[in-house]
Amino acid sequence: MSEIVTSPRTKAKAKTEKPRLYKVILLNDDYTPREFVVKVLMAVFHMSEDEAYRVMMAAHQLGACVVAVFTRDVAETKATEATEEGRRKGYPLMFTTEPEQ
């Protein structure tokens, strides 16, 4: 009689990693009006007026400020949208993204 060798099937579980997060950073400039920056923060990042003012002032005093943290696609989309708002009005308003540590 022939011997049949069977081995147990192993189930491979896929490990899903949490997506890496990215910071959206507001860079200070000396030309964009503060009121405009507050309006952009409220429109693009859905901040209250007080919160947007605090973020704008932090960037003004420190040179840059983290606005929010998102997944890469969302962070890049929001940074681009906010930067383009400034460009449309002729201001050098700039938002960037970088990986969170």
Protein backbone atom coordinates (compact mmCIF):
# COMPACT_ATOMS: atom_id res chain seq x y z
CA MET A 1 0.00 0.00 0.00
CA SER A 2 1.31 3.47 -0.91
CA GLU A 3 1.78 5.93 1.83
CA ILE A 4 0.12 9.34 1.35
CA VAL A 5 1.75 12.14 3.23
CA THR A 6 -0.36 15.17 3.85
CA SER A 7 0.78 18.29 5.53
CA PRO A 8 -1.54 20.70 7.25
CA ARG A 9 -2.44 23.79 5.33
CA THR A 10 -1.16 26.97 6.81
CA LYS A 11 -3.21 30.07 6.57
CA ALA A 12 -1.24 33.15 5.78
CA LYS A 13 -2.60 36.24 7.42
CA ALA A 14 -1.86 39.45 5.64
CA LYS A 15 -0.48 42.06 7.96
CA THR A 16 -1.98 45.41 7.24
CA GLU A 17 0.06 48.31 8.41
CA LYS A 18 -1.39 51.62 9.36
CA PRO A 19 -0.70 54.18 6.66
CA ARG A 20 2.16 56.54 7.40
CA LEU A 21 0.99 59.97 8.48
CA TYR A 22 2.15 63.28 7.05
CA LYS A 23 2.19 66.76 8.58
CA VAL A 24 0.81 69.73 6.69
CA ILE A 25 3.03 72.71 7.50
CA LEU A 26 2.21 76.40 7.04
CA LEU A 27 5.27 78.47 6.15
CA ASN A 28 5.36 82.11 7.16
CA ASP A 29 5.87 84.85 4.61
CA ASP A 30 5.90 88.62 4.98
CA TYR A 31 3.40 89.39 2.20
CA THR A 32 0.24 87.32 2.65
CA PRO A 33 -2.30 89.17 4.83
CA ARG A 34 -3.06 87.47 8.12
CA GLU A 35 -6.80 87.67 7.51
CA PHE A 36 -6.40 85.79 4.24
CA VAL A 37 -4.37 83.03 5.90
CA VAL A 38 -7.10 82.64 8.54
CA LYS A 39 -9.76 82.37 5.80
CA VAL A 40 -7.75 79.69 3.96
CA LEU A 41 -7.24 77.67 7.15
CA MET A 42 -10.96 77.86 7.90
CA ALA A 43 -11.97 76.88 4.34
CA VAL A 44 -9.45 74.12 3.59
CA PHE A 45 -8.85 72.66 7.06
CA HIS A 46 -12.31 73.34 8.52
CA MET A 47 -10.94 75.20 11.54
CA SER A 48 -12.83 77.63 13.71
CA GLU A 49 -11.79 81.26 13.41
CA ASP A 50 -10.02 81.17 16.79
CA GLU A 51 -8.14 77.99 15.97
CA ALA A 52 -7.12 79.31 12.54
CA TYR A 53 -5.90 82.55 14.12
CA ARG A 54 -3.76 80.64 16.64
CA VAL A 55 -2.19 78.49 13.89
CA MET A 56 -1.51 81.57 11.75
CA MET A 57 0.11 83.40 14.68
CA ALA A 58 2.26 80.37 15.56
CA ALA A 59 3.55 80.26 11.97
CA HIS A 60 4.11 84.02 12.04
CA GLN A 61 6.12 83.89 15.27
CA LEU A 62 8.01 80.62 14.67
CA GLY A 63 8.43 80.74 10.89
CA ALA A 64 6.39 77.56 10.35
CA CYS A 65 3.62 75.64 12.09
CA VAL A 66 2.07 72.19 11.78
CA VAL A 67 -1.52 72.70 10.68
CA ALA A 68 -2.77 69.11 10.77
CA VAL A 69 -1.73 65.48 10.28
CA PHE A 70 -3.29 63.23 7.62
CA THR A 71 -2.51 60.26 5.44
CA ARG A 72 -0.16 61.15 2.58
CA ASP A 73 -2.80 61.64 -0.12
CA VAL A 74 -5.02 63.82 2.04
CA ALA A 75 -2.08 65.88 3.35
CA GLU A 76 -0.73 66.56 -0.14
CA THR A 77 -4.17 67.40 -1.50
CA LYS A 78 -4.92 69.88 1.29
CA ALA A 79 -1.46 71.48 1.11
CA THR A 80 -1.82 71.92 -2.65
CA GLU A 81 -5.36 73.29 -2.35
CA ALA A 82 -4.37 75.82 0.32
CA THR A 83 -1.25 76.92 -1.59
CA GLU A 84 -3.29 77.38 -4.77
CA GLU A 85 -5.80 79.57 -2.91
CA GLY A 86 -2.97 81.97 -2.20
CA ARG A 87 -1.64 81.80 -5.77
CA ARG A 88 -5.08 82.67 -7.15
CA LYS A 89 -5.02 85.89 -5.11
CA GLY A 90 -1.39 86.61 -6.00
CA TYR A 91 0.08 85.79 -2.56
CA PRO A 92 3.16 83.64 -1.87
CA LEU A 93 1.24 81.57 0.71
CA MET A 94 2.93 78.17 1.05
CA PHE A 95 1.95 74.88 2.65
CA THR A 96 4.22 71.82 2.55
CA THR A 97 4.05 68.24 3.77
CA GLU A 98 6.56 65.99 5.50
CA PRO A 99 6.38 62.55 7.10
CA GLU A 100 5.50 62.43 10.76
CA GLN A 101 8.14 60.78 12.97
